[in-house]
C-alpha cells in the first residue's frame, strides 16, 4: 500500500471525515498538523499547488486533493486501486 499523508488542523470537520474514511479502510497515514506546526503550512501549499485549505491529501506522493476528492474516489470505486497501485 502506498504511503498516505494528510495535512490537517485540529478542529477541521473535513479533516475528521477524511481520516475516518481512511480508518474505515484500515489505511495507515501520516498526519501533519499545520496548526501545531505552522511552518508545515507553506510546505503543504507548495506541494498542493497553492492549496490553502485542509485537509490536503497525498497518496504515494501524488496530490489527491481534499476531503471531497477523497470521497469522490471512494464513490467511483477507484480509491482502493489508487492506494494499492
N, C-alpha and C. Protein backbone atom coordinates (compact mmCIF):
# COMPACT_ATOMS: atom_id res chain seq x y z
N UNK A 1 0.84 -1.18 0.00
CA UNK A 1 0.00 0.00 0.00
C UNK A 1 0.89 1.24 0.00
N UNK A 2 0.47 2.24 -0.76
CA UNK A 2 1.24 3.48 -0.84
C UNK A 2 1.13 4.28 0.44
N UNK A 3 2.14 5.12 0.67
CA UNK A 3 2.13 5.99 1.84
C UNK A 3 1.08 7.08 1.65
N UNK A 4 0.31 7.33 2.69
CA UNK A 4 -0.71 8.38 2.68
C UNK A 4 -0.29 9.45 3.68
N UNK A 5 -0.31 10.70 3.20
CA UNK A 5 -0.02 11.85 4.05
C UNK A 5 -1.22 12.77 4.01
N UNK A 6 -1.59 13.30 5.15
CA UNK A 6 -2.73 14.20 5.22
C UNK A 6 -2.38 15.40 6.10
N UNK A 7 -2.46 16.57 5.50
CA UNK A 7 -2.25 17.83 6.22
C UNK A 7 -3.57 18.24 6.84
N UNK A 8 -3.56 18.54 8.13
CA UNK A 8 -4.80 18.81 8.86
C UNK A 8 -4.63 19.99 9.82
N UNK A 9 -5.74 20.36 10.42
CA UNK A 9 -5.73 21.21 11.61
C UNK A 9 -6.61 20.52 12.64
N UNK A 10 -6.50 20.96 13.85
CA UNK A 10 -7.12 20.27 14.97
C UNK A 10 -8.64 20.21 14.93
N UNK A 11 -9.30 21.31 14.59
CA UNK A 11 -10.76 21.37 14.69
C UNK A 11 -11.44 21.41 13.32
N UNK A 12 -10.90 20.73 12.36
CA UNK A 12 -11.42 20.72 11.00
C UNK A 12 -12.33 19.51 10.79
N UNK A 13 -13.60 19.76 10.54
CA UNK A 13 -14.55 18.68 10.31
C UNK A 13 -14.25 17.86 9.07
N UNK A 14 -13.76 18.52 8.02
CA UNK A 14 -13.41 17.80 6.79
C UNK A 14 -12.20 16.90 7.03
N UNK A 15 -11.27 17.35 7.87
CA UNK A 15 -10.11 16.52 8.22
C UNK A 15 -10.57 15.27 8.97
N UNK A 16 -11.49 15.46 9.90
CA UNK A 16 -12.03 14.33 10.67
C UNK A 16 -12.70 13.33 9.74
N UNK A 17 -13.49 13.83 8.79
CA UNK A 17 -14.20 12.94 7.85
C UNK A 17 -13.21 12.17 6.97
N UNK A 18 -12.18 12.85 6.49
CA UNK A 18 -11.19 12.18 5.63
C UNK A 18 -10.45 11.10 6.43
N UNK A 19 -10.05 11.43 7.65
CA UNK A 19 -9.35 10.44 8.48
C UNK A 19 -10.26 9.27 8.82
N UNK A 20 -11.55 9.54 9.04
CA UNK A 20 -12.49 8.47 9.34
C UNK A 20 -12.59 7.49 8.17
N UNK A 21 -12.67 8.00 6.94
CA UNK A 21 -12.74 7.12 5.78
C UNK A 21 -11.47 6.27 5.68
N UNK A 22 -10.32 6.89 5.88
CA UNK A 22 -9.07 6.12 5.82
C UNK A 22 -9.02 5.06 6.90
N UNK A 23 -9.48 5.39 8.11
CA UNK A 23 -9.51 4.40 9.19
C UNK A 23 -10.47 3.27 8.88
N UNK A 24 -11.63 3.59 8.31
CA UNK A 24 -12.61 2.55 7.94
C UNK A 24 -12.00 1.58 6.94
N UNK A 25 -11.11 2.07 6.11
CA UNK A 25 -10.47 1.23 5.10
C UNK A 25 -9.16 0.62 5.62
N UNK A 26 -8.88 0.81 6.92
CA UNK A 26 -7.66 0.29 7.56
C UNK A 26 -6.39 0.79 6.88
N UNK A 27 -6.41 2.06 6.52
CA UNK A 27 -5.26 2.69 5.87
C UNK A 27 -4.48 3.47 6.92
N UNK A 28 -3.20 3.16 7.04
CA UNK A 28 -2.32 3.94 7.91
C UNK A 28 -1.96 5.23 7.17
N UNK A 29 -1.84 6.32 7.91
CA UNK A 29 -1.50 7.58 7.28
C UNK A 29 -0.62 8.39 8.21
N UNK A 30 0.14 9.29 7.61
CA UNK A 30 0.96 10.23 8.36
C UNK A 30 0.18 11.54 8.41
N UNK A 31 -0.12 12.00 9.61
CA UNK A 31 -0.86 13.24 9.78
C UNK A 31 0.11 14.36 10.10
N UNK A 32 -0.03 15.47 9.38
CA UNK A 32 0.80 16.64 9.59
C UNK A 32 -0.14 17.78 9.99
N UNK A 33 -0.07 18.17 11.24
CA UNK A 33 -0.96 19.20 11.79
C UNK A 33 -0.35 20.58 11.53
N UNK A 34 -0.88 21.29 10.54
CA UNK A 34 -0.33 22.60 10.20
C UNK A 34 -0.70 23.66 11.23
N UNK A 35 -1.66 23.37 12.10
CA UNK A 35 -1.97 24.27 13.20
C UNK A 35 -0.90 24.21 14.28
N UNK A 36 -0.42 23.01 14.54
CA UNK A 36 0.61 22.81 15.55
C UNK A 36 2.01 23.12 15.01
N UNK A 37 2.18 22.96 13.69
CA UNK A 37 3.47 23.22 13.04
C UNK A 37 3.26 24.19 11.88
N UNK A 38 3.14 25.49 12.18
CA UNK A 38 2.83 26.48 11.15
C UNK A 38 3.79 26.47 9.95
N UNK A 39 5.04 26.12 10.15
CA UNK A 39 5.99 26.07 9.04
C UNK A 39 5.58 25.03 8.00
N UNK A 40 4.84 24.02 8.43
CA UNK A 40 4.39 22.97 7.52
C UNK A 40 3.31 23.46 6.56
N UNK A 41 2.62 24.57 6.90
CA UNK A 41 1.58 25.10 6.01
C UNK A 41 2.17 25.53 4.67
N UNK A 42 3.33 26.19 4.69
CA UNK A 42 3.94 26.60 3.42
C UNK A 42 4.39 25.38 2.63
N UNK A 43 4.88 24.36 3.31
CA UNK A 43 5.23 23.10 2.64
C UNK A 43 4.00 22.50 1.97
N UNK A 44 2.89 22.47 2.71
CA UNK A 44 1.64 21.93 2.18
C UNK A 44 1.20 22.70 0.94
N UNK A 45 1.24 24.03 1.02
CA UNK A 45 0.78 24.85 -0.09
C UNK A 45 1.65 24.64 -1.33
N UNK A 46 2.94 24.48 -1.13
CA UNK A 46 3.82 24.24 -2.26
C UNK A 46 3.52 22.88 -2.89
N UNK A 47 3.37 21.87 -2.07
CA UNK A 47 3.09 20.52 -2.58
C UNK A 47 1.73 20.42 -3.23
N UNK A 48 0.76 21.21 -2.72
CA UNK A 48 -0.62 21.15 -3.21
C UNK A 48 -0.90 22.22 -4.27
N UNK A 49 0.15 22.70 -4.92
CA UNK A 49 -0.01 23.70 -5.98
C UNK A 49 -0.83 24.91 -5.53
N UNK A 50 -0.53 25.41 -4.34
CA UNK A 50 -1.19 26.59 -3.82
C UNK A 50 -2.41 26.32 -2.97
N UNK A 51 -2.78 25.05 -2.79
CA UNK A 51 -3.94 24.71 -1.96
C UNK A 51 -3.73 25.19 -0.53
N UNK A 52 -4.67 26.00 -0.03
CA UNK A 52 -4.52 26.60 1.30
C UNK A 52 -5.40 25.95 2.35
N UNK A 53 -6.42 25.24 1.92
CA UNK A 53 -7.37 24.66 2.86
C UNK A 53 -6.92 23.27 3.29
N UNK A 54 -7.44 22.84 4.42
CA UNK A 54 -7.16 21.48 4.90
C UNK A 54 -8.46 20.69 4.85
N UNK A 55 -8.38 19.40 4.68
CA UNK A 55 -7.14 18.63 4.51
C UNK A 55 -6.60 18.73 3.09
N UNK A 56 -5.32 18.48 2.97
CA UNK A 56 -4.67 18.24 1.68
C UNK A 56 -4.10 16.84 1.80
N UNK A 57 -4.47 15.99 0.85
CA UNK A 57 -4.16 14.55 0.95
C UNK A 57 -3.24 14.14 -0.20
N UNK A 58 -2.23 13.37 0.15
CA UNK A 58 -1.28 12.84 -0.82
C UNK A 58 -1.21 11.33 -0.66
N UNK A 59 -1.27 10.63 -1.77
CA UNK A 59 -1.16 9.17 -1.77
C UNK A 59 0.01 8.81 -2.68
N UNK A 60 1.01 8.17 -2.10
CA UNK A 60 2.20 7.83 -2.87
C UNK A 60 2.89 9.06 -3.43
N UNK A 61 2.81 10.18 -2.72
CA UNK A 61 3.43 11.42 -3.16
C UNK A 61 2.59 12.22 -4.15
N UNK A 62 1.50 11.63 -4.63
CA UNK A 62 0.62 12.30 -5.60
C UNK A 62 -0.48 13.07 -4.87
N UNK A 63 -0.69 14.31 -5.25
CA UNK A 63 -1.72 15.13 -4.63
C UNK A 63 -3.10 14.66 -5.07
N UNK A 64 -3.92 14.26 -4.11
CA UNK A 64 -5.28 13.80 -4.39
C UNK A 64 -6.26 14.96 -4.31
N UNK A 65 -6.01 15.87 -3.38
CA UNK A 65 -6.91 16.99 -3.14
C UNK A 65 -7.34 16.97 -1.69
N UNK A 66 -8.59 17.35 -1.46
CA UNK A 66 -9.12 17.41 -0.11
C UNK A 66 -10.08 16.28 0.18
N UNK A 67 -10.90 16.50 1.18
CA UNK A 67 -11.87 15.51 1.62
C UNK A 67 -12.84 15.13 0.51
N UNK A 68 -13.36 16.13 -0.19
CA UNK A 68 -14.34 15.86 -1.26
C UNK A 68 -13.75 14.96 -2.33
N UNK A 69 -12.52 15.24 -2.72
CA UNK A 69 -11.88 14.42 -3.76
C UNK A 69 -11.61 13.00 -3.27
N UNK A 70 -11.26 12.86 -2.00
CA UNK A 70 -11.05 11.52 -1.44
C UNK A 70 -12.34 10.72 -1.49
N UNK A 71 -13.45 11.33 -1.08
CA UNK A 71 -14.74 10.64 -1.12
C UNK A 71 -15.22 10.39 -2.54
N UNK A 72 -14.88 11.27 -3.48
CA UNK A 72 -15.24 11.04 -4.88
C UNK A 72 -14.53 9.79 -5.41
N UNK A 73 -13.26 9.64 -5.05
CA UNK A 73 -12.54 8.42 -5.45
C UNK A 73 -13.21 7.19 -4.87
N UNK A 74 -13.62 7.27 -3.61
CA UNK A 74 -14.28 6.13 -2.96
C UNK A 74 -15.60 5.80 -3.65
N UNK A 75 -16.42 6.82 -3.91
CA UNK A 75 -17.73 6.60 -4.55
C UNK A 75 -17.58 6.03 -5.96
N UNK A 76 -16.51 6.43 -6.64
CA UNK A 76 -16.27 5.95 -8.01
C UNK A 76 -15.64 4.56 -8.01
N UNK A 77 -15.33 4.03 -6.83
CA UNK A 77 -14.71 2.71 -6.74
C UNK A 77 -13.24 2.71 -7.13
N UNK A 78 -12.59 3.87 -7.07
CA UNK A 78 -11.20 3.98 -7.51
C UNK A 78 -10.20 4.12 -6.37
N UNK A 79 -10.68 4.37 -5.15
CA UNK A 79 -9.75 4.63 -4.05
C UNK A 79 -8.86 3.44 -3.76
N UNK A 80 -9.41 2.25 -3.74
CA UNK A 80 -8.59 1.06 -3.44
C UNK A 80 -7.45 0.90 -4.44
N UNK A 81 -7.73 1.13 -5.71
CA UNK A 81 -6.67 0.97 -6.71
C UNK A 81 -5.63 2.07 -6.59
N UNK A 82 -6.04 3.30 -6.24
CA UNK A 82 -5.08 4.38 -6.05
C UNK A 82 -4.18 4.06 -4.85
N UNK A 83 -4.75 3.50 -3.81
CA UNK A 83 -3.97 3.14 -2.63
C UNK A 83 -3.01 1.98 -2.91
N UNK A 84 -3.44 1.05 -3.73
CA UNK A 84 -2.67 -0.18 -3.95
C UNK A 84 -1.68 -0.07 -5.10
N UNK A 85 -2.00 0.72 -6.09
CA UNK A 85 -1.21 0.74 -7.32
C UNK A 85 0.22 1.19 -7.10
